Amino acid sequence: MKILGLTGSIGMGKSATAAMFREEGIPVYDADAAVHAIYAPGGAAVQPLEAAFPGVTAPDGGIDRARLRERVLDDKAALDRLNAIVHPLVGQSQIDFREEAQAAGAAFAVLDIPLLFETGGDKRCDHVLVVTAPADVQRDRVLARSGMSLDAFEAILARQMPDAEKRARADFILNTAFGFDFARDIVRAIIALMIRSKEAEKQ
């Protein structure tokens, strides 16, 4: 089974693109959703995080992410401790997803991972699709979000690989500034190419 990595900086339209793959019947792994799941009440990260950072559990039994963020902010040792707990759990969820997609007979699956290049996740993908948009479009989209400020936007960008570098490392590039119909046509073309590539291997 082939793996297509899907990534893109904030405000580029990655989530909308992932939804288009799902609509076409392609299995999609959502890294953000995986993290939310292990932080939720009963999630696999709750007990080890509470043990490592006492007091971060919310009244509902899940992790209070704002409180946890405060505990690791500007503390590299604490952040390393957090990552040592969370990354293996998220990694296992990705392995489970791959195995389920493979067992279902999928020709390929999509890994929707915001920091794909930054974390080295591209090395586990056969191909990578980078979703992009002009900088002014990206900025307008992000600043239109509730609670988002220019300072917060710039702080997020500072943690992400520059869009130009991502595009330089991509196998496929989708510019979402041209609208949903254009994006959907590109997604369908990529699906056809991925399936054709898988079928060619069988011959």
N, C-alpha and C. Protein backbone atom coordinates (compact mmCIF):
# COMPACT_ATOMS: atom_id res chain seq x y z
N MET A 1 0.83 -1.19 0.00
CA MET A 1 0.00 0.00 0.00
C MET A 1 0.88 1.25 0.00
N LYS A 2 0.58 2.17 -0.90
CA LYS A 2 1.32 3.42 -1.00
C LYS A 2 0.84 4.40 0.09
N ILE A 3 1.75 5.28 0.50
CA ILE A 3 1.42 6.31 1.49
C ILE A 3 1.68 7.69 0.89
N LEU A 4 0.65 8.54 0.93
CA LEU A 4 0.78 9.92 0.48
C LEU A 4 0.75 10.83 1.70
N GLY A 5 1.83 11.55 1.92
CA GLY A 5 1.87 12.53 2.99
C GLY A 5 1.19 13.81 2.54
N LEU A 6 0.35 14.36 3.40
CA LEU A 6 -0.36 15.61 3.10
C LEU A 6 0.04 16.63 4.15
N THR A 7 0.56 17.77 3.71
CA THR A 7 0.98 18.79 4.66
C THR A 7 0.83 20.17 4.06
N GLY A 8 1.02 21.17 4.89
CA GLY A 8 0.88 22.55 4.47
C GLY A 8 0.83 23.44 5.70
N SER A 9 1.31 24.64 5.57
CA SER A 9 1.32 25.57 6.69
C SER A 9 -0.09 26.01 7.07
N ILE A 10 -0.20 26.66 8.21
CA ILE A 10 -1.50 27.13 8.69
C ILE A 10 -2.18 28.03 7.65
N GLY A 11 -3.48 27.82 7.48
CA GLY A 11 -4.26 28.67 6.59
C GLY A 11 -4.15 28.35 5.11
N MET A 12 -3.47 27.25 4.77
CA MET A 12 -3.27 26.92 3.36
C MET A 12 -4.41 26.09 2.76
N GLY A 13 -5.25 25.49 3.62
CA GLY A 13 -6.36 24.69 3.12
C GLY A 13 -6.13 23.19 3.20
N LYS A 14 -5.22 22.78 4.09
CA LYS A 14 -4.90 21.36 4.22
C LYS A 14 -6.08 20.53 4.70
N SER A 15 -6.81 21.03 5.68
CA SER A 15 -7.94 20.27 6.22
C SER A 15 -9.03 20.08 5.17
N ALA A 16 -9.30 21.14 4.39
CA ALA A 16 -10.29 21.03 3.32
C ALA A 16 -9.85 20.02 2.27
N THR A 17 -8.55 19.99 2.00
CA THR A 17 -8.02 19.04 1.02
C THR A 17 -8.14 17.61 1.54
N ALA A 18 -7.83 17.42 2.82
CA ALA A 18 -7.97 16.10 3.43
C ALA A 18 -9.41 15.61 3.32
N ALA A 19 -10.36 16.52 3.53
CA ALA A 19 -11.78 16.15 3.44
C ALA A 19 -12.13 15.70 2.03
N MET A 20 -11.50 16.29 1.03
CA MET A 20 -11.77 15.89 -0.36
C MET A 20 -11.29 14.46 -0.63
N PHE A 21 -10.15 14.08 -0.07
CA PHE A 21 -9.68 12.70 -0.21
C PHE A 21 -10.67 11.74 0.46
N ARG A 22 -11.16 12.11 1.65
CA ARG A 22 -12.14 11.26 2.34
C ARG A 22 -13.40 11.10 1.50
N GLU A 23 -13.86 12.20 0.90
CA GLU A 23 -15.07 12.16 0.08
C GLU A 23 -14.91 11.22 -1.12
N GLU A 24 -13.67 11.03 -1.56
CA GLU A 24 -13.40 10.13 -2.69
C GLU A 24 -13.14 8.70 -2.22
N GLY A 25 -13.32 8.45 -0.91
CA GLY A 25 -13.18 7.10 -0.38
C GLY A 25 -11.78 6.69 0.00
N ILE A 26 -10.87 7.65 0.09
CA ILE A 26 -9.48 7.34 0.45
C ILE A 26 -9.31 7.43 1.96
N PRO A 27 -8.68 6.43 2.59
CA PRO A 27 -8.45 6.50 4.05
C PRO A 27 -7.49 7.64 4.38
N VAL A 28 -7.86 8.46 5.37
CA VAL A 28 -7.03 9.60 5.76
C VAL A 28 -6.76 9.55 7.26
N TYR A 29 -5.49 9.60 7.60
CA TYR A 29 -5.08 9.68 9.01
C TYR A 29 -4.92 11.15 9.39
N ASP A 30 -5.60 11.57 10.44
CA ASP A 30 -5.58 12.96 10.91
C ASP A 30 -4.73 13.03 12.18
N ALA A 31 -3.51 13.56 12.05
CA ALA A 31 -2.60 13.61 13.19
C ALA A 31 -3.16 14.48 14.32
N ASP A 32 -3.79 15.59 13.99
CA ASP A 32 -4.37 16.46 15.03
C ASP A 32 -5.47 15.74 15.79
N ALA A 33 -6.32 15.01 15.06
CA ALA A 33 -7.41 14.27 15.70
C ALA A 33 -6.85 13.17 16.60
N ALA A 34 -5.73 12.57 16.19
CA ALA A 34 -5.11 11.52 16.99
C ALA A 34 -4.64 12.08 18.33
N VAL A 35 -4.07 13.28 18.30
CA VAL A 35 -3.62 13.91 19.55
C VAL A 35 -4.82 14.25 20.43
N HIS A 36 -5.87 14.80 19.83
CA HIS A 36 -7.08 15.12 20.60
C HIS A 36 -7.63 13.86 21.28
N ALA A 37 -7.58 12.75 20.57
CA ALA A 37 -8.14 11.49 21.10
C ALA A 37 -7.37 11.00 22.32
N ILE A 38 -6.04 11.09 22.28
CA ILE A 38 -5.27 10.59 23.43
C ILE A 38 -5.32 11.55 24.61
N TYR A 39 -5.70 12.83 24.36
CA TYR A 39 -5.85 13.81 25.43
C TYR A 39 -7.27 13.81 26.01
N ALA A 40 -8.19 13.19 25.33
CA ALA A 40 -9.60 13.20 25.75
C ALA A 40 -9.81 12.30 26.97
N PRO A 41 -10.94 12.44 27.68
CA PRO A 41 -11.22 11.56 28.82
C PRO A 41 -11.07 10.10 28.44
N GLY A 42 -10.29 9.36 29.21
CA GLY A 42 -10.05 7.96 28.91
C GLY A 42 -8.96 7.74 27.89
N GLY A 43 -8.37 8.82 27.36
CA GLY A 43 -7.33 8.71 26.35
C GLY A 43 -6.04 8.16 26.91
N ALA A 44 -5.21 7.59 26.02
CA ALA A 44 -3.99 6.90 26.45
C ALA A 44 -2.96 7.82 27.09
N ALA A 45 -3.04 9.13 26.82
CA ALA A 45 -2.02 10.05 27.36
C ALA A 45 -2.41 10.63 28.71
N VAL A 46 -3.65 10.46 29.12
CA VAL A 46 -4.12 11.16 30.32
C VAL A 46 -3.34 10.77 31.58
N GLN A 47 -3.27 9.48 31.88
CA GLN A 47 -2.59 9.05 33.11
C GLN A 47 -1.09 9.37 33.10
N PRO A 48 -0.36 9.05 32.02
CA PRO A 48 1.08 9.38 32.05
C PRO A 48 1.36 10.88 32.10
N LEU A 49 0.50 11.71 31.48
CA LEU A 49 0.72 13.15 31.53
C LEU A 49 0.42 13.70 32.92
N GLU A 50 -0.62 13.18 33.56
CA GLU A 50 -0.94 13.61 34.92
C GLU A 50 0.18 13.21 35.88
N ALA A 51 0.78 12.04 35.63
CA ALA A 51 1.90 11.60 36.48
C ALA A 51 3.12 12.50 36.28
N ALA A 52 3.36 12.91 35.04
CA ALA A 52 4.53 13.74 34.74
C ALA A 52 4.31 15.21 35.08
N PHE A 53 3.05 15.66 34.94
CA PHE A 53 2.71 17.07 35.19
C PHE A 53 1.46 17.14 36.07
N PRO A 54 1.59 16.86 37.36
CA PRO A 54 0.43 16.82 38.25
C PRO A 54 -0.42 18.09 38.16
N GLY A 55 -1.75 17.88 38.03
CA GLY A 55 -2.67 19.00 37.99
C GLY A 55 -3.11 19.41 36.60
N VAL A 56 -2.72 18.65 35.56
CA VAL A 56 -3.10 19.05 34.20
C VAL A 56 -4.39 18.36 33.73
N THR A 57 -4.95 17.51 34.58
CA THR A 57 -6.20 16.85 34.20
C THR A 57 -7.38 17.77 34.48
N ALA A 58 -8.26 17.91 33.49
CA ALA A 58 -9.45 18.76 33.61
C ALA A 58 -10.54 18.03 34.40
N PRO A 59 -11.56 18.76 34.86
CA PRO A 59 -12.66 18.12 35.61
C PRO A 59 -13.36 16.98 34.85
N ASP A 60 -13.37 17.06 33.51
CA ASP A 60 -14.04 16.01 32.74
C ASP A 60 -13.20 14.74 32.60
N GLY A 61 -11.97 14.77 33.12
CA GLY A 61 -11.12 13.59 33.05
C GLY A 61 -10.14 13.59 31.90
N GLY A 62 -10.23 14.60 31.04
CA GLY A 62 -9.27 14.73 29.95
C GLY A 62 -8.15 15.67 30.35
N ILE A 63 -7.26 15.94 29.40
CA ILE A 63 -6.14 16.85 29.68
C ILE A 63 -6.56 18.28 29.39
N ASP A 64 -6.28 19.17 30.32
CA ASP A 64 -6.49 20.60 30.12
C ASP A 64 -5.29 21.11 29.30
N ARG A 65 -5.48 21.26 28.00
CA ARG A 65 -4.37 21.57 27.11
C ARG A 65 -3.77 22.94 27.39
N ALA A 66 -4.60 23.90 27.79
CA ALA A 66 -4.07 25.23 28.12
C ALA A 66 -3.15 25.15 29.33
N ARG A 67 -3.56 24.39 30.34
CA ARG A 67 -2.75 24.24 31.55
C ARG A 67 -1.44 23.49 31.24
N LEU A 68 -1.56 22.47 30.40
CA LEU A 68 -0.37 21.71 30.02
C LEU A 68 0.59 22.61 29.24
N ARG A 69 0.04 23.43 28.34
CA ARG A 69 0.87 24.34 27.55
C ARG A 69 1.65 25.28 28.46
N GLU A 70 1.00 25.77 29.51
CA GLU A 70 1.67 26.67 30.46
C GLU A 70 2.82 25.98 31.17
N ARG A 71 2.65 24.67 31.42
CA ARG A 71 3.67 23.92 32.16
C ARG A 71 4.93 23.68 31.33
N VAL A 72 4.78 23.63 30.01
CA VAL A 72 5.95 23.32 29.17
C VAL A 72 6.49 24.54 28.42
N LEU A 73 5.76 25.65 28.51
CA LEU A 73 6.17 26.87 27.80
C LEU A 73 7.53 27.34 28.29
N ASP A 74 8.45 27.54 27.36
CA ASP A 74 9.80 28.04 27.67
C ASP A 74 10.57 27.12 28.63
N ASP A 75 10.21 25.84 28.65
CA ASP A 75 10.91 24.86 29.50
C ASP A 75 11.24 23.65 28.63
N LYS A 76 12.45 23.64 28.07
CA LYS A 76 12.81 22.59 27.12
C LYS A 76 12.76 21.20 27.73
N ALA A 77 13.20 21.06 28.98
CA ALA A 77 13.18 19.76 29.64
C ALA A 77 11.75 19.25 29.77
N ALA A 78 10.83 20.15 30.13
CA ALA A 78 9.42 19.76 30.26
C ALA A 78 8.83 19.41 28.90
N LEU A 79 9.19 20.17 27.88
CA LEU A 79 8.68 19.88 26.54
C LEU A 79 9.20 18.54 26.04
N ASP A 80 10.47 18.26 26.32
CA ASP A 80 11.04 16.95 25.94
C ASP A 80 10.31 15.82 26.65
N ARG A 81 9.97 16.05 27.94
CA ARG A 81 9.25 15.04 28.72
C ARG A 81 7.86 14.82 28.12
N LEU A 82 7.21 15.91 27.71
CA LEU A 82 5.89 15.81 27.08
C LEU A 82 5.97 15.02 25.78
N ASN A 83 6.94 15.37 24.94
CA ASN A 83 7.08 14.71 23.65
C ASN A 83 7.40 13.22 23.80
N ALA A 84 8.18 12.89 24.83
CA ALA A 84 8.54 11.49 25.06
C ALA A 84 7.30 10.64 25.41
N ILE A 85 6.29 11.29 25.97
CA ILE A 85 5.05 10.59 26.30
C ILE A 85 4.11 10.54 25.10
N VAL A 86 3.94 11.69 24.45
CA VAL A 86 2.92 11.81 23.39
C VAL A 86 3.33 11.17 22.07
N HIS A 87 4.56 11.39 21.64
CA HIS A 87 4.97 10.92 20.31
C HIS A 87 4.82 9.41 20.10
N PRO A 88 5.23 8.57 21.07
CA PRO A 88 5.03 7.12 20.85
C PRO A 88 3.55 6.74 20.75
N LEU A 89 2.70 7.43 21.51
CA LEU A 89 1.27 7.11 21.47
C LEU A 89 0.66 7.50 20.13
N VAL A 90 1.04 8.67 19.62
CA VAL A 90 0.55 9.10 18.31
C VAL A 90 1.13 8.18 17.23
N GLY A 91 2.40 7.81 17.39
CA GLY A 91 3.02 6.89 16.42
C GLY A 91 2.29 5.57 16.34
N GLN A 92 1.86 5.05 17.50
CA GLN A 92 1.13 3.78 17.50
C GLN A 92 -0.22 3.94 16.82
N SER A 93 -0.87 5.08 17.00
CA SER A 93 -2.16 5.29 16.35
C SER A 93 -2.00 5.32 14.83
N GLN A 94 -0.86 5.86 14.38
CA GLN A 94 -0.60 5.89 12.94
C GLN A 94 -0.35 4.47 12.40
N ILE A 95 0.38 3.67 13.17
CA ILE A 95 0.62 2.28 12.77
C ILE A 95 -0.71 1.52 12.68
N ASP A 96 -1.57 1.73 13.66
CA ASP A 96 -2.89 1.07 13.66
C ASP A 96 -3.69 1.47 12.42
N PHE A 97 -3.64 2.77 12.09
CA PHE A 97 -4.35 3.26 10.91
C PHE A 97 -3.83 2.59 9.64
N ARG A 98 -2.53 2.52 9.49
CA ARG A 98 -1.93 1.90 8.30
C ARG A 98 -2.36 0.44 8.18
N GLU A 99 -2.33 -0.26 9.29
CA GLU A 99 -2.68 -1.68 9.27
C GLU A 99 -4.15 -1.87 8.90
N GLU A 100 -5.02 -1.00 9.40
CA GLU A 100 -6.44 -1.09 9.08
C GLU A 100 -6.69 -0.80 7.60
N ALA A 101 -6.01 0.22 7.06
CA ALA A 101 -6.17 0.57 5.65
C ALA A 101 -5.65 -0.54 4.76
N GLN A 102 -4.52 -1.12 5.15
CA GLN A 102 -3.95 -2.23 4.39
C GLN A 102 -4.90 -3.43 4.39
N ALA A 103 -5.44 -3.74 5.55
CA ALA A 103 -6.35 -4.89 5.67
C ALA A 103 -7.62 -4.67 4.86
N ALA A 104 -8.02 -3.40 4.70
CA ALA A 104 -9.23 -3.07 3.94
C ALA A 104 -8.97 -3.10 2.43
N GLY A 105 -7.71 -3.29 2.05
CA GLY A 105 -7.38 -3.38 0.63
C GLY A 105 -7.20 -2.04 -0.07
N ALA A 106 -6.92 -0.99 0.69
CA ALA A 106 -6.75 0.34 0.08
C ALA A 106 -5.51 0.36 -0.81
N ALA A 107 -5.65 0.99 -1.99
CA ALA A 107 -4.50 1.13 -2.90
C ALA A 107 -3.47 2.07 -2.30
N PHE A 108 -3.96 3.09 -1.61
CA PHE A 108 -3.07 4.00 -0.90
C PHE A 108 -3.85 4.69 0.21
N ALA A 109 -3.10 5.30 1.12
CA ALA A 109 -3.71 6.03 2.23
C ALA A 109 -2.99 7.36 2.39
N VAL A 110 -3.68 8.31 3.02
CA VAL A 110 -3.15 9.65 3.20
C VAL A 110 -2.82 9.88 4.68
N LEU A 111 -1.64 10.44 4.94
CA LEU A 111 -1.27 10.85 6.29
C LEU A 111 -1.33 12.37 6.33
N ASP A 112 -2.33 12.91 7.01
CA ASP A 112 -2.52 14.35 7.14
C ASP A 112 -1.77 14.80 8.38
N ILE A 113 -0.56 15.36 8.18
CA ILE A 113 0.31 15.72 9.28
C ILE A 113 0.83 17.14 9.08
N PRO A 114 0.42 18.09 9.93
CA PRO A 114 0.83 19.49 9.76
C PRO A 114 2.35 19.68 9.70
N LEU A 115 3.08 19.04 10.62
CA LEU A 115 4.53 19.20 10.69
C LEU A 115 5.24 17.98 10.09
N LEU A 116 4.79 17.57 8.92
CA LEU A 116 5.33 16.35 8.29
C LEU A 116 6.83 16.45 8.06
N PHE A 117 7.29 17.51 7.41
CA PHE A 117 8.72 17.66 7.14
C PHE A 117 9.49 17.96 8.42
N GLU A 118 8.91 18.79 9.28
CA GLU A 118 9.60 19.20 10.50
C GLU A 118 9.91 18.02 11.42
N THR A 119 9.06 17.00 11.39
CA THR A 119 9.25 15.83 12.27
C THR A 119 9.89 14.64 11.54
N GLY A 120 10.22 14.82 10.27
CA GLY A 120 10.83 13.72 9.51
C GLY A 120 9.83 12.69 9.03
N GLY A 121 8.52 13.00 9.15
CA GLY A 121 7.50 12.05 8.74
C GLY A 121 7.47 11.78 7.25
N ASP A 122 8.04 12.69 6.46
CA ASP A 122 8.06 12.48 5.01
C ASP A 122 8.87 11.25 4.62
N LYS A 123 9.79 10.84 5.48
CA LYS A 123 10.62 9.66 5.19
C LYS A 123 9.79 8.38 5.21
N ARG A 124 8.61 8.43 5.83
CA ARG A 124 7.74 7.24 5.89
C ARG A 124 6.65 7.29 4.82
N CYS A 125 6.79 8.24 3.88
CA CYS A 125 5.80 8.40 2.81
C CYS A 125 6.41 8.09 1.45
N ASP A 126 5.60 7.56 0.55
CA ASP A 126 6.08 7.32 -0.81
C ASP A 126 6.10 8.62 -1.62
N HIS A 127 5.10 9.47 -1.36
CA HIS A 127 5.00 10.76 -2.04
C HIS A 127 4.44 11.78 -1.06
N VAL A 128 4.67 13.07 -1.35
CA VAL A 128 4.17 14.13 -0.47
C VAL A 128 3.43 15.17 -1.30
N LEU A 129 2.24 15.54 -0.81
CA LEU A 129 1.44 16.62 -1.39
C LEU A 129 1.51 17.81 -0.44
N VAL A 130 1.96 18.95 -0.95
CA VAL A 130 1.98 20.18 -0.17
C VAL A 130 0.86 21.10 -0.64
N VAL A 131 0.04 21.52 0.30
CA VAL A 131 -1.05 22.44 0.02
C VAL A 131 -0.55 23.85 0.30
N THR A 132 -0.76 24.75 -0.66
CA THR A 132 -0.19 26.09 -0.56
C THR A 132 -1.21 27.14 -0.99
N ALA A 133 -0.85 28.40 -0.78
CA ALA A 133 -1.64 29.55 -1.23
C ALA A 133 -0.73 30.76 -1.12
N PRO A 134 -1.02 31.83 -1.85
CA PRO A 134 -0.21 33.05 -1.72
C PRO A 134 -0.21 33.56 -0.27
N ALA A 135 0.87 34.22 0.12
CA ALA A 135 1.03 34.66 1.50
C ALA A 135 -0.10 35.58 1.96
N ASP A 136 -0.58 36.46 1.08
CA ASP A 136 -1.65 37.36 1.49
C ASP A 136 -2.97 36.62 1.71
N VAL A 137 -3.21 35.59 0.91
CA VAL A 137 -4.41 34.76 1.08
C VAL A 137 -4.33 34.00 2.40
N GLN A 138 -3.17 33.41 2.65
CA GLN A 138 -2.94 32.68 3.90
C GLN A 138 -3.18 33.58 5.10
N ARG A 139 -2.60 34.77 5.07
CA ARG A 139 -2.71 35.71 6.19
C ARG A 139 -4.17 36.10 6.43
N ASP A 140 -4.89 36.41 5.37
CA ASP A 140 -6.29 36.82 5.51
C ASP A 140 -7.13 35.69 6.09
N ARG A 141 -6.89 34.46 5.64
CA ARG A 141 -7.64 33.31 6.15
C ARG A 141 -7.40 33.12 7.64
N VAL A 142 -6.14 33.16 8.04
CA VAL A 142 -5.80 32.89 9.45
C VAL A 142 -6.32 33.99 10.36
N LEU A 143 -6.15 35.24 9.95
CA LEU A 143 -6.58 36.35 10.81
C LEU A 143 -8.10 36.46 10.90
N ALA A 144 -8.80 35.78 9.99
CA ALA A 144 -10.27 35.77 10.05
C ALA A 144 -10.78 34.78 11.09
N ARG A 145 -9.89 33.93 11.61
CA ARG A 145 -10.30 32.94 12.61
C ARG A 145 -10.55 33.62 13.95
N SER A 146 -11.51 33.10 14.67
CA SER A 146 -11.85 33.64 15.98
C SER A 146 -10.67 33.50 16.94
N GLY A 147 -10.33 34.58 17.63
CA GLY A 147 -9.29 34.54 18.64
C GLY A 147 -7.87 34.59 18.11
N MET A 148 -7.71 34.72 16.79
CA MET A 148 -6.36 34.74 16.21
C MET A 148 -5.86 36.17 16.10
N SER A 149 -4.61 36.38 16.51
CA SER A 149 -3.98 37.69 16.40
C SER A 149 -2.79 37.60 15.46
N LEU A 150 -2.30 38.73 15.02
CA LEU A 150 -1.14 38.75 14.13
C LEU A 150 0.08 38.16 14.83
N ASP A 151 0.24 38.48 16.12
CA ASP A 151 1.38 37.94 16.88
C ASP A 151 1.31 36.42 16.97
N ALA A 152 0.12 35.90 17.23
CA ALA A 152 -0.05 34.44 17.32
C ALA A 152 0.22 33.78 15.98
N PHE A 153 -0.27 34.39 14.91
CA PHE A 153 -0.04 33.87 13.56
C PHE A 153 1.45 33.80 13.26
N GLU A 154 2.16 34.89 13.56
CA GLU A 154 3.60 34.93 13.28
C GLU A 154 4.37 33.93 14.14
N ALA A 155 3.90 33.71 15.36
CA ALA A 155 4.55 32.72 16.24
C ALA A 155 4.38 31.31 15.68
N ILE A 156 3.20 31.02 15.15
CA ILE A 156 2.95 29.71 14.54
C ILE A 156 3.83 29.53 13.31
N LEU A 157 3.88 30.55 12.47
CA LEU A 157 4.72 30.47 11.26
C LEU A 157 6.18 30.23 11.60
N ALA A 158 6.64 30.82 12.70
CA ALA A 158 8.04 30.68 13.10
C ALA A 158 8.40 29.23 13.44
N ARG A 159 7.40 28.44 13.83
CA ARG A 159 7.64 27.04 14.18
C ARG A 159 7.50 26.11 12.98
N GLN A 160 7.04 26.65 11.86
CA GLN A 160 6.81 25.82 10.68
C GLN A 160 7.88 26.09 9.62
N MET A 161 8.18 25.06 8.86
CA MET A 161 9.11 25.21 7.75
C MET A 161 8.51 26.19 6.74
N PRO A 162 9.32 27.09 6.16
CA PRO A 162 8.79 28.04 5.17
C PRO A 162 8.07 27.33 4.02
N ASP A 163 6.99 27.94 3.56
CA ASP A 163 6.19 27.35 2.50
C ASP A 163 7.03 27.05 1.26
N ALA A 164 7.94 27.94 0.90
CA ALA A 164 8.78 27.74 -0.30
C ALA A 164 9.62 26.48 -0.18
N GLU A 165 10.13 26.21 1.03
CA GLU A 165 10.94 25.01 1.23
C GLU A 165 10.08 23.75 1.15
N LYS A 166 8.87 23.82 1.69
CA LYS A 166 7.97 22.67 1.59
C LYS A 166 7.65 22.37 0.12
N ARG A 167 7.35 23.42 -0.64
CA ARG A 167 7.03 23.22 -2.05
C ARG A 167 8.21 22.62 -2.81
N ALA A 168 9.42 23.03 -2.45
CA ALA A 168 10.62 22.52 -3.11
C ALA A 168 10.81 21.02 -2.85
N ARG A 169 10.29 20.53 -1.73
CA ARG A 169 10.46 19.12 -1.37
C ARG A 169 9.25 18.26 -1.73
N ALA A 170 8.23 18.87 -2.31
CA ALA A 170 6.97 18.16 -2.59
C ALA A 170 7.03 17.36 -3.89
N ASP A 171 6.24 16.30 -3.96
CA ASP A 171 6.01 15.58 -5.22
C ASP A 171 4.82 16.17 -5.95
N PHE A 172 3.83 16.63 -5.17
CA PHE A 172 2.65 17.28 -5.72
C PHE A 172 2.42 18.59 -4.97
N ILE A 173 1.94 19.62 -5.69
CA ILE A 173 1.62 20.90 -5.07
C ILE A 173 0.21 21.29 -5.47
N LEU A 174 -0.59 21.68 -4.48
CA LEU A 174 -1.97 22.12 -4.73
C LEU A 174 -2.14 23.54 -4.21
N ASN A 175 -2.41 24.48 -5.12
CA ASN A 175 -2.65 25.87 -4.74
C ASN A 175 -4.15 26.05 -4.54
N THR A 176 -4.56 26.27 -3.28
CA THR A 176 -5.98 26.34 -2.96
C THR A 176 -6.59 27.71 -3.23
N ALA A 177 -5.79 28.65 -3.72
CA ALA A 177 -6.31 29.99 -4.00
C ALA A 177 -7.27 30.00 -5.19
N PHE A 178 -7.28 28.91 -5.97
CA PHE A 178 -8.12 28.85 -7.17
C PHE A 178 -9.51 28.28 -6.90
N GLY A 179 -9.83 27.97 -5.65
CA GLY A 179 -11.17 27.53 -5.31
C GLY A 179 -11.34 26.03 -5.16
N PHE A 180 -12.52 25.65 -4.65
CA PHE A 180 -12.78 24.25 -4.33
C PHE A 180 -12.85 23.35 -5.57
N ASP A 181 -13.46 23.81 -6.64
CA ASP A 181 -13.59 22.97 -7.83
C ASP A 181 -12.23 22.63 -8.40
N PHE A 182 -11.35 23.63 -8.46
CA PHE A 182 -9.98 23.39 -8.95
C PHE A 182 -9.27 22.39 -8.04
N ALA A 183 -9.37 22.61 -6.72
CA ALA A 183 -8.70 21.72 -5.76
C ALA A 183 -9.21 20.29 -5.88
N ARG A 184 -10.52 20.15 -6.05
CA ARG A 184 -11.09 18.80 -6.16
C ARG A 184 -10.60 18.10 -7.42
N ASP A 185 -10.45 18.83 -8.51
CA ASP A 185 -9.93 18.23 -9.75
C ASP A 185 -8.50 17.75 -9.56
N ILE A 186 -7.69 18.53 -8.85
CA ILE A 186 -6.30 18.14 -8.58
C ILE A 186 -6.27 16.91 -7.68
N VAL A 187 -7.10 16.89 -6.66
CA VAL A 187 -7.16 15.73 -5.75
C VAL A 187 -7.52 14.47 -6.53
N ARG A 188 -8.50 14.56 -7.42
CA ARG A 188 -8.90 13.39 -8.21
C ARG A 188 -7.79 12.95 -9.15
N ALA A 189 -7.05 13.90 -9.69
CA ALA A 189 -5.93 13.55 -10.57
C ALA A 189 -4.83 12.84 -9.79
N ILE A 190 -4.56 13.30 -8.57
CA ILE A 190 -3.54 12.66 -7.73
C ILE A 190 -3.99 11.25 -7.34
N ILE A 191 -5.26 11.10 -7.03
CA ILE A 191 -5.78 9.77 -6.70
C ILE A 191 -5.57 8.81 -7.88
N ALA A 192 -5.88 9.27 -9.08
CA ALA A 192 -5.71 8.43 -10.26
C ALA A 192 -4.24 8.05 -10.45
N LEU A 193 -3.34 8.99 -10.23
CA LEU A 193 -1.91 8.71 -10.36
C LEU A 193 -1.42 7.72 -9.31
N MET A 194 -1.89 7.89 -8.08
CA MET A 194 -1.48 6.98 -7.00
C MET A 194 -1.97 5.56 -7.26
N ILE A 195 -3.20 5.43 -7.73
CA ILE A 195 -3.75 4.11 -8.03
C ILE A 195 -3.01 3.49 -9.21
N ARG A 196 -2.74 4.29 -10.23
CA ARG A 196 -2.01 3.79 -11.40
C ARG A 196 -0.62 3.33 -11.00
N SER A 197 0.03 4.07 -10.10
CA SER A 197 1.36 3.70 -9.63
C SER A 197 1.33 2.37 -8.89
N LYS A 198 0.30 2.18 -8.07
CA LYS A 198 0.17 0.93 -7.33
C LYS A 198 -0.09 -0.24 -8.28
N GLU A 199 -0.94 -0.03 -9.27
CA GLU A 199 -1.25 -1.10 -10.23
C GLU A 199 -0.03 -1.45 -11.08
N ALA A 200 0.79 -0.45 -11.39
CA ALA A 200 1.99 -0.69 -12.19
C ALA A 200 2.97 -1.60 -11.46
N GLU A 201 2.99 -1.50 -10.14
CA GLU A 201 3.89 -2.35 -9.33
C GLU A 201 3.51 -3.83 -9.43
N LYS A 202 2.21 -4.08 -9.64
CA LYS A 202 1.73 -5.47 -9.68
C LYS A 202 2.10 -6.17 -10.98
N GLN A 203 2.37 -5.38 -12.03
CA GLN A 203 2.64 -5.96 -13.35
C GLN A 203 4.07 -6.46 -13.50
